Each structure stands twice: as C-alpha cells, then as structure tokens.
PDB file of N, CA and C in Angstrom:
ATOM      1  N   VAL A   1      88.694 117.229 106.906  1.00  0.00           N
ATOM      2  CA  VAL A   1      89.895 117.839 106.386  1.00  0.00           C
ATOM      3  C   VAL A   1      89.605 119.334 106.302  1.00  0.00           C
ATOM      4  N   VAL A   2      90.403 120.116 107.006  1.00  0.00           N
ATOM      5  CA  VAL A   2      90.165 121.556 107.083  1.00  0.00           C
ATOM      6  C   VAL A   2      91.473 122.328 106.909  1.00  0.00           C
ATOM      7  N   ASP A   3      91.334 123.635 106.830  1.00  0.00           N
ATOM      8  CA  ASP A   3      92.498 124.512 106.850  1.00  0.00           C
ATOM      9  C   ASP A   3      92.341 125.471 108.023  1.00  0.00           C
ATOM     10  N   ARG A   4      93.332 126.311 108.236  1.00  0.00           N
ATOM     11  CA  ARG A   4      93.306 127.227 109.372  1.00  0.00           C
ATOM     12  C   ARG A   4      92.341 128.396 109.182  1.00  0.00           C
ATOM     13  N   VAL A   5      91.881 128.613 107.958  1.00  0.00           N
ATOM     14  CA  VAL A   5      90.912 129.680 107.707  1.00  0.00           C
ATOM     15  C   VAL A   5      89.504 129.182 107.998  1.00  0.00           C
ATOM     16  N   VAL A   6      89.176 128.005 107.486  1.00  0.00           N
ATOM     17  CA  VAL A   6      87.845 127.437 107.664  1.00  0.00           C
ATOM     18  C   VAL A   6      87.606 127.019 109.115  1.00  0.00           C
ATOM     19  N   ALA A   7      88.625 126.475 109.766  1.00  0.00           N
ATOM     20  CA  ALA A   7      88.510 126.022 111.154  1.00  0.00           C
ATOM     21  C   ALA A   7      89.672 126.599 111.964  1.00  0.00           C
ATOM     22  N   PRO A   8      89.564 127.870 112.367  1.00  0.00           N
ATOM     23  CA  PRO A   8      90.637 128.471 113.161  1.00  0.00           C
ATOM     24  C   PRO A   8      90.836 127.734 114.481  1.00  0.00           C
ATOM     25  N   PRO A   9      92.056 127.704 114.973  1.00  0.00           N
ATOM     26  CA  PRO A   9      92.337 126.974 116.216  1.00  0.00           C
ATOM     27  C   PRO A   9      91.406 127.340 117.372  1.00  0.00           C
ATOM     28  N   GLU A  10      91.037 128.600 117.489  1.00  0.00           N
ATOM     29  CA  GLU A  10      90.192 129.011 118.616  1.00  0.00           C
ATOM     30  C   GLU A  10      88.754 128.489 118.537  1.00  0.00           C
ATOM     31  N   TYR A  11      88.358 127.914 117.391  1.00  0.00           N
ATOM     32  CA  TYR A  11      87.008 127.356 117.240  1.00  0.00           C
ATOM     33  C   TYR A  11      86.985 125.828 117.178  1.00  0.00           C
ATOM     34  N   ARG A  12      88.117 125.186 117.294  1.00  0.00           N
ATOM     35  CA  ARG A  12      88.182 123.722 117.150  1.00  0.00           C
ATOM     36  C   ARG A  12      87.362 122.998 118.210  1.00  0.00           C
ATOM     37  N   SER A  13      87.208 123.587 119.373  1.00  0.00           N
ATOM     38  CA  SER A  13      86.440 122.922 120.440  1.00  0.00           C
ATOM     39  C   SER A  13      84.960 122.814 120.086  1.00  0.00           C
ATOM     40  N   HIS A  14      84.516 123.534 119.065  1.00  0.00           N
ATOM     41  CA  HIS A  14      83.108 123.496 118.654  1.00  0.00           C
ATOM     42  C   HIS A  14      82.802 122.339 117.706  1.00  0.00           C
ATOM     43  N   PHE A  15      83.814 121.604 117.295  1.00  0.00           N
ATOM     44  CA  PHE A  15      83.636 120.478 116.385  1.00  0.00           C
ATOM     45  C   PHE A  15      83.629 119.179 117.171  1.00  0.00           C
ATOM     46  N   SER A  16      82.721 118.289 116.842  1.00  0.00           N
ATOM     47  CA  SER A  16      82.720 116.966 117.480  1.00  0.00           C
ATOM     48  C   SER A  16      83.643 116.003 116.731  1.00  0.00           C
ATOM     49  N   GLU A  17      83.948 116.318 115.476  1.00  0.00           N
ATOM     50  CA  GLU A  17      84.803 115.473 114.663  1.00  0.00           C
ATOM     51  C   GLU A  17      86.274 115.751 114.963  1.00  0.00           C
ATOM     52  N   HIS A  18      87.129 114.770 114.674  1.00  0.00           N
ATOM     53  CA  HIS A  18      88.571 114.999 114.727  1.00  0.00           C
ATOM     54  C   HIS A  18      88.945 115.727 113.446  1.00  0.00           C
ATOM     55  N   LEU A  19      89.559 116.883 113.577  1.00  0.00           N
ATOM     56  CA  LEU A  19      89.908 117.680 112.413  1.00  0.00           C
ATOM     57  C   LEU A  19      91.338 117.404 111.980  1.00  0.00           C
ATOM     58  N   MET A  20      91.528 117.154 110.693  1.00  0.00           N
ATOM     59  CA  MET A  20      92.861 117.030 110.135  1.00  0.00           C
ATOM     60  C   MET A  20      93.141 118.332 109.405  1.00  0.00           C
ATOM     61  N   VAL A  21      94.069 119.103 109.934  1.00  0.00           N
ATOM     62  CA  VAL A  21      94.388 120.401 109.369  1.00  0.00           C
ATOM     63  C   VAL A  21      95.464 120.224 108.309  1.00  0.00           C
ATOM     64  N   VAL A  22      95.159 120.649 107.100  1.00  0.00           N
ATOM     65  CA  VAL A  22      96.109 120.557 106.006  1.00  0.00           C
ATOM     66  C   VAL A  22      96.877 121.878 105.955  1.00  0.00           C
ATOM     67  N   PRO A  23      98.179 121.829 106.193  1.00  0.00           N
ATOM     68  CA  PRO A  23      98.952 123.069 106.175  1.00  0.00           C
ATOM     69  C   PRO A  23      99.110 123.615 104.756  1.00  0.00           C
ATOM     70  N   ASN A  24      99.364 124.897 104.676  1.00  0.00           N
ATOM     71  CA  ASN A  24      99.609 125.559 103.384  1.00  0.00           C
ATOM     72  C   ASN A  24      98.462 125.343 102.407  1.00  0.00           C
ATOM     73  N   SER A  25      97.241 125.390 102.903  1.00  0.00           N
ATOM     74  CA  SER A  25      96.093 125.164 102.037  1.00  0.00           C
ATOM     75  C   SER A  25      94.972 126.127 102.382  1.00  0.00           C
ATOM     76  N   TYR A  26      94.000 126.181 101.498  1.00  0.00           N
ATOM     77  CA  TYR A  26      92.804 126.989 101.723  1.00  0.00           C
ATOM     78  C   TYR A  26      91.634 126.246 101.109  1.00  0.00           C
ATOM     79  N   PHE A  27      90.599 126.000 101.888  1.00  0.00           N
ATOM     80  CA  PHE A  27      89.397 125.338 101.410  1.00  0.00           C
ATOM     81  C   PHE A  27      88.553 126.377 100.683  1.00  0.00           C
ATOM     82  N   VAL A  28      88.484 126.279  99.381  1.00  0.00           N
ATOM     83  CA  VAL A  28      87.747 127.264  98.594  1.00  0.00           C
ATOM     84  C   VAL A  28      86.259 127.006  98.780  1.00  0.00           C
ATOM     85  N   ASN A  29      85.587 127.946  99.421  1.00  0.00           N
ATOM     86  CA  ASN A  29      84.163 127.758  99.680  1.00  0.00           C
ATOM     87  C   ASN A  29      83.301 128.785  98.961  1.00  0.00           C
ATOM     88  N   ASP A  30      83.922 129.625  98.176  1.00  0.00           N
ATOM     89  CA  ASP A  30      83.183 130.600  97.386  1.00  0.00           C
ATOM     90  C   ASP A  30      83.994 130.868  96.125  1.00  0.00           C
ATOM     91  N   HIS A  31      83.513 130.400  94.997  1.00  0.00           N
ATOM     92  CA  HIS A  31      84.274 130.516  93.757  1.00  0.00           C
ATOM     93  C   HIS A  31      84.486 131.969  93.330  1.00  0.00           C
ATOM     94  N   ARG A  32      83.771 132.917  93.929  1.00  0.00           N
ATOM     95  CA  ARG A  32      83.941 134.321  93.569  1.00  0.00           C
ATOM     96  C   ARG A  32      85.129 134.957  94.286  1.00  0.00           C
ATOM     97  N   GLN A  33      85.618 134.281  95.336  1.00  0.00           N
ATOM     98  CA  GLN A  33      86.758 134.817  96.069  1.00  0.00           C
ATOM     99  C   GLN A  33      88.041 134.186  95.553  1.00  0.00           C
ATOM    100  N   GLN A  34      89.039 134.980  95.376  1.00  0.00           N
ATOM    101  CA  GLN A  34      90.335 134.479  94.936  1.00  0.00           C
ATOM    102  C   GLN A  34      91.324 134.668  96.075  1.00  0.00           C
ATOM    103  N   PRO A  35      91.753 133.580  96.721  1.00  0.00           N
ATOM    104  CA  PRO A  35      92.703 133.731  97.822  1.00  0.00           C
ATOM    105  C   PRO A  35      94.045 134.261  97.332  1.00  0.00           C
ATOM    106  N   ALA A  36      94.667 135.070  98.141  1.00  0.00           N
ATOM    107  CA  ALA A  36      95.968 135.635  97.791  1.00  0.00           C
ATOM    108  C   ALA A  36      97.059 134.800  98.430  1.00  0.00           C
ATOM    109  N   TRP A  37      97.290 133.609  97.914  1.00  0.00           N
ATOM    110  CA  TRP A  37      98.332 132.748  98.459  1.00  0.00           C
ATOM    111  C   TRP A  37      99.174 132.203  97.325  1.00  0.00           C
ATOM    112  N   GLN A  38     100.362 131.834  97.674  1.00  0.00           N
ATOM    113  CA  GLN A  38     101.322 131.317  96.707  1.00  0.00           C
ATOM    114  C   GLN A  38     100.989 129.875  96.341  1.00  0.00           C
ATOM    115  N   ASP A  39     101.513 129.431  95.205  1.00  0.00           N
ATOM    116  CA  ASP A  39     101.391 128.017  94.853  1.00  0.00           C
ATOM    117  C   ASP A  39     102.111 127.181  95.898  1.00  0.00           C
ATOM    118  N   VAL A  40     101.534 126.045  96.237  1.00  0.00           N
ATOM    119  CA  VAL A  40     102.150 125.159  97.222  1.00  0.00           C
ATOM    120  C   VAL A  40     103.237 124.350  96.533  1.00  0.00           C
ATOM    121  N   ASN A  41     104.387 124.295  97.130  1.00  0.00           N
ATOM    122  CA  ASN A  41     105.500 123.512  96.620  1.00  0.00           C
ATOM    123  C   ASN A  41     105.128 122.029  96.695  1.00  0.00           C
ATOM    124  N   SER A  42     105.282 121.281  95.611  1.00  0.00           N
ATOM    125  CA  SER A  42     104.891 119.868  95.602  1.00  0.00           C
ATOM    126  C   SER A  42     105.669 119.049  96.621  1.00  0.00           C
ATOM    127  N   LYS A  43     106.845 119.502  97.029  1.00  0.00           N
ATOM    128  CA  LYS A  43     107.597 118.779  98.054  1.00  0.00           C
ATOM    129  C   LYS A  43     106.875 118.822  99.385  1.00  0.00           C
ATOM    130  N   GLN A  44     106.037 119.817  99.614  1.00  0.00           N
ATOM    131  CA  GLN A  44     105.282 119.930 100.854  1.00  0.00           C
ATOM    132  C   GLN A  44     104.096 118.974 100.882  1.00  0.00           C
ATOM    133  N   LEU A  45     103.798 118.337  99.771  1.00  0.00           N
ATOM    134  CA  LEU A  45     102.634 117.473  99.693  1.00  0.00           C
ATOM    135  C   LEU A  45     102.964 116.002  99.904  1.00  0.00           C
ATOM    136  N   ALA A  46     104.127 115.701 100.424  1.00  0.00           N
ATOM    137  CA  ALA A  46     104.497 114.307 100.676  1.00  0.00           C
ATOM    138  C   ALA A  46     103.596 113.713 101.749  1.00  0.00           C
ATOM    139  N   ARG A  47     103.164 112.478 101.544  1.00  0.00           N
ATOM    140  CA  ARG A  47     102.276 111.818 102.499  1.00  0.00           C
ATOM    141  C   ARG A  47     102.884 111.782 103.895  1.00  0.00           C
ATOM    142  N   ALA A  48     104.183 111.634 103.979  1.00  0.00           N
ATOM    143  CA  ALA A  48     104.850 111.569 105.284  1.00  0.00           C
ATOM    144  C   ALA A  48     104.687 112.869 106.066  1.00  0.00           C
ATOM    145  N   SER A  49     104.388 113.964 105.385  1.00  0.00           N
ATOM    146  CA  SER A  49     104.200 115.247 106.058  1.00  0.00           C
ATOM    147  C   SER A  49     102.902 115.294 106.858  1.00  0.00           C
ATOM    148  N   TYR A  50     102.004 114.385 106.576  1.00  0.00           N
ATOM    149  CA  TYR A  50     100.690 114.381 107.219  1.00  0.00           C
ATOM    150  C   TYR A  50     100.579 113.170 108.136  1.00  0.00           C
ATOM    151  N   LYS A  51     101.038 113.344 109.364  1.00  0.00           N
ATOM    152  CA  LYS A  51     101.089 112.237 110.325  1.00  0.00           C
ATOM    153  C   LYS A  51      99.707 111.691 110.661  1.00  0.00           C
ATOM    154  N   GLU A  52      98.651 112.478 110.416  1.00  0.00           N
ATOM    155  CA  GLU A  52      97.289 112.032 110.715  1.00  0.00           C
ATOM    156  C   GLU A  52      96.822 110.923 109.767  1.00  0.00           C
ATOM    157  N   LEU A  53      97.445 110.838 108.588  1.00  0.00           N
ATOM    158  CA  LEU A  53      97.038 109.839 107.602  1.00  0.00           C
ATOM    159  C   LEU A  53      97.683 108.496 107.906  1.00  0.00           C
ATOM    160  N   PRO A  54      96.951 107.411 107.681  1.00  0.00           N
ATOM    161  CA  PRO A  54      97.571 106.106 107.847  1.00  0.00           C
ATOM    162  C   PRO A  54      98.650 105.878 106.788  1.00  0.00           C
ATOM    163  N   ALA A  55      99.604 105.019 107.094  1.00  0.00           N
ATOM    164  CA  ALA A  55     100.709 104.752 106.169  1.00  0.00           C
ATOM    165  C   ALA A  55     100.205 104.149 104.862  1.00  0.00           C
ATOM    166  N   LYS A  56      99.148 103.360 104.929  1.00  0.00           N
ATOM    167  CA  LYS A  56      98.576 102.739 103.736  1.00  0.00           C
ATOM    168  C   LYS A  56      97.105 103.086 103.654  1.00  0.00           C
ATOM    169  N   GLY A  57      96.568 102.970 102.473  1.00  0.00           N
ATOM    170  CA  GLY A  57      95.153 103.238 102.281  1.00  0.00           C
ATOM    171  C   GLY A  57      94.946 104.179 101.119  1.00  0.00           C
ATOM    172  N   THR A  58      93.709 104.468 100.858  1.00  0.00           N
ATOM    173  CA  THR A  58      93.336 105.338  99.761  1.00  0.00           C
ATOM    174  C   THR A  58      92.838 106.658 100.319  1.00  0.00           C
ATOM    175  N   LEU A  59      93.353 107.742  99.792  1.00  0.00           N
ATOM    176  CA  LEU A  59      92.908 109.068 100.195  1.00  0.00           C
ATOM    177  C   LEU A  59      92.026 109.612  99.084  1.00  0.00           C
ATOM    178  N   LEU A  60      90.789 109.898  99.410  1.00  0.00           N
ATOM    179  CA  LEU A  60      89.852 110.430  98.421  1.00  0.00           C
ATOM    180  C   LEU A  60      89.687 111.925  98.658  1.00  0.00           C
ATOM    181  N   ALA A  61      89.583 112.675  97.591  1.00  0.00           N
ATOM    182  CA  ALA A  61      89.390 114.114  97.701  1.00  0.00           C
ATOM    183  C   ALA A  61      88.537 114.599  96.544  1.00  0.00           C
ATOM    184  N   CYS A  62      87.881 115.717  96.755  1.00  0.00           N
ATOM    185  CA  CYS A  62      87.076 116.337  95.715  1.00  0.00           C
ATOM    186  C   CYS A  62      87.490 117.797  95.624  1.00  0.00           C
ATOM    187  N   PHE A  63      87.921 118.216  94.457  1.00  0.00           N
ATOM    188  CA  PHE A  63      88.372 119.576  94.264  1.00  0.00           C
ATOM    189  C   PHE A  63      87.397 120.374  93.394  1.00  0.00           C
ATOM    190  N   ASN A  64      86.122 120.030  93.478  1.00  0.00           N
ATOM    191  CA  ASN A  64      85.084 120.729  92.738  1.00  0.00           C
ATOM    192  C   ASN A  64      84.548 121.894  93.547  1.00  0.00           C
ATOM    193  N   GLN A  65      83.756 122.708  92.901  1.00  0.00           N
ATOM    194  CA  GLN A  65      83.035 123.750  93.623  1.00  0.00           C
ATOM    195  C   GLN A  65      81.892 123.099  94.385  1.00  0.00           C
ATOM    196  N   LEU A  66      81.555 123.663  95.532  1.00  0.00           N
ATOM    197  CA  LEU A  66      80.579 123.027  96.415  1.00  0.00           C
ATOM    198  C   LEU A  66      79.212 122.820  95.771  1.00  0.00           C
ATOM    199  N   TYR A  67      78.782 123.714  94.895  1.00  0.00           N
ATOM    200  CA  TYR A  67      77.456 123.558  94.314  1.00  0.00           C
ATOM    201  C   TYR A  67      77.342 122.298  93.461  1.00  0.00           C
ATOM    202  N   LYS A  68      78.476 121.731  93.051  1.00  0.00           N
ATOM    203  CA  LYS A  68      78.455 120.521  92.239  1.00  0.00           C
ATOM    204  C   LYS A  68      78.241 119.258  93.063  1.00  0.00           C
ATOM    205  N   ILE A  69      78.333 119.367  94.374  1.00  0.00           N
ATOM    206  CA  ILE A  69      78.126 118.197  95.233  1.00  0.00           C
ATOM    207  C   ILE A  69      76.662 118.185  95.663  1.00  0.00           C
ATOM    208  N   ASP A  70      75.818 117.695  94.774  1.00  0.00           N
ATOM    209  CA  ASP A  70      74.386 117.625  95.026  1.00  0.00           C
ATOM    210  C   ASP A  70      74.044 116.235  95.575  1.00  0.00           C
ATOM    211  N   PRO A  71      72.793 115.983  95.977  1.00  0.00           N
ATOM    212  CA  PRO A  71      72.437 114.685  96.562  1.00  0.00           C
ATOM    213  C   PRO A  71      72.809 113.468  95.706  1.00  0.00           C
ATOM    214  N   PRO A  72      72.599 113.462  94.378  1.00  0.00           N
ATOM    215  CA  PRO A  72      73.012 112.283  93.603  1.00  0.00           C
ATOM    216  C   PRO A  72      74.529 112.046  93.647  1.00  0.00           C
ATOM    217  N   ILE A  73      75.320 113.111  93.570  1.00  0.00           N
ATOM    218  CA  ILE A  73      76.773 112.964  93.624  1.00  0.00           C
ATOM    219  C   ILE A  73      77.201 112.504  95.012  1.00  0.00           C
ATOM    220  N   PHE A  74      76.578 113.047  96.040  1.00  0.00           N
ATOM    221  CA  PHE A  74      76.896 112.625  97.403  1.00  0.00           C
ATOM    222  C   PHE A  74      76.609 111.138  97.580  1.00  0.00           C
ATOM    223  N   LYS A  75      75.518 110.659  97.007  1.00  0.00           N
ATOM    224  CA  LYS A  75      75.171 109.240  97.073  1.00  0.00           C
ATOM    225  C   LYS A  75      76.250 108.391  96.399  1.00  0.00           C
ATOM    226  N   VAL A  76      76.779 108.870  95.276  1.00  0.00           N
ATOM    227  CA  VAL A  76      77.865 108.166  94.592  1.00  0.00           C
ATOM    228  C   VAL A  76      79.085 108.083  95.509  1.00  0.00           C
ATOM    229  N   TRP A  77      79.436 109.208  96.161  1.00  0.00           N
ATOM    230  CA  TRP A  77      80.583 109.216  97.077  1.00  0.00           C
ATOM    231  C   TRP A  77      80.382 108.224  98.219  1.00  0.00           C
ATOM    232  N   VAL A  78      79.191 108.171  98.771  1.00  0.00           N
ATOM    233  CA  VAL A  78      78.915 107.216  99.855  1.00  0.00           C
ATOM    234  C   VAL A  78      79.081 105.790  99.343  1.00  0.00           C
ATOM    235  N   GLY A  79      78.626 105.527  98.120  1.00  0.00           N
ATOM    236  CA  GLY A  79      78.804 104.201  97.531  1.00  0.00           C
ATOM    237  C   GLY A  79      80.277 103.837  97.362  1.00  0.00           C
ATOM    238  N   ILE A  80      81.067 104.809  96.947  1.00  0.00           N
ATOM    239  CA  ILE A  80      82.510 104.574  96.818  1.00  0.00           C
ATOM    240  C   ILE A  80      83.125 104.271  98.181  1.00  0.00           C
ATOM    241  N   LEU A  81      82.766 105.057  99.171  1.00  0.00           N
ATOM    242  CA  LEU A  81      83.302 104.837 100.521  1.00  0.00           C
ATOM    243  C   LEU A  81      82.902 103.477 101.072  1.00  0.00           C
ATOM    244  N   ASP A  82      81.698 103.015 100.747  1.00  0.00           N
ATOM    245  CA  ASP A  82      81.279 101.660 101.180  1.00  0.00           C
ATOM    246  C   ASP A  82      82.184 100.586 100.596  1.00  0.00           C
ATOM    247  N   LYS A  83      82.686 100.808  99.395  1.00  0.00           N
ATOM    248  CA  LYS A  83      83.546  99.810  98.737  1.00  0.00           C
ATOM    249  C   LYS A  83      85.003  99.901  99.154  1.00  0.00           C
ATOM    250  N   PHE A  84      85.376 100.998  99.773  1.00  0.00           N
ATOM    251  CA  PHE A  84      86.758 101.222 100.216  1.00  0.00           C
ATOM    252  C   PHE A  84      86.758 101.581 101.701  1.00  0.00           C
ATOM    253  N   PRO A  85      86.558 100.614 102.580  1.00  0.00           N
ATOM    254  CA  PRO A  85      86.460 100.922 104.008  1.00  0.00           C
ATOM    255  C   PRO A  85      87.722 101.532 104.611  1.00  0.00           C
ATOM    256  N   THR A  86      88.870 101.372 103.955  1.00  0.00           N
ATOM    257  CA  THR A  86      90.087 101.973 104.494  1.00  0.00           C
ATOM    258  C   THR A  86      90.346 103.376 103.941  1.00  0.00           C
ATOM    259  N   ALA A  87      89.443 103.864 103.109  1.00  0.00           N
ATOM    260  CA  ALA A  87      89.632 105.207 102.538  1.00  0.00           C
ATOM    261  C   ALA A  87      89.277 106.262 103.557  1.00  0.00           C
TER     262      ALA A  87
END
C-alpha cells in the first residue's frame, strides 16, 4: 500500500510487488515532517473507491510511527496474518 509520494509512477517498474496506490494520502515516514495537505473527506474513503481491494475480507493497517514496528511487533503482525488468510 503506497501513495504517489513514496512510490512515484516513474519508479513503479522498480518494485516486484503489486502496488496499491491509495489516492489522497501520504505515507508518513518521518514524524518530524508535517505534510501540507488537506484533511481527506470521509466520503472518499469508501471501500468501493478502491477497486484493488476484494469485496469481502479484512483490511489491516497500522498508523503508528515506523520506529514502533520493531521485531517483536512485526512477529505479532505475522501471527495475526497467519490467522486471517484473507486479510
């Protein structure tokens, strides 16, 4: 899951993964930087707006700062994903 800042279109060929670009978003990768963007309208966050997502299933996300995702937390996430194969 990426945005147009983190993965600009001209660099997508460098990724082996299929990228799901979330519109109107910014992946905060440095807590010291404050992006100058407007609040996203909640109407833009409808699941139907994201054709890449399956109609059913669980969508997991983490909105923490990157330094908080250490090896023990990552192991917990992997355990959760093992229990939810459709996530």
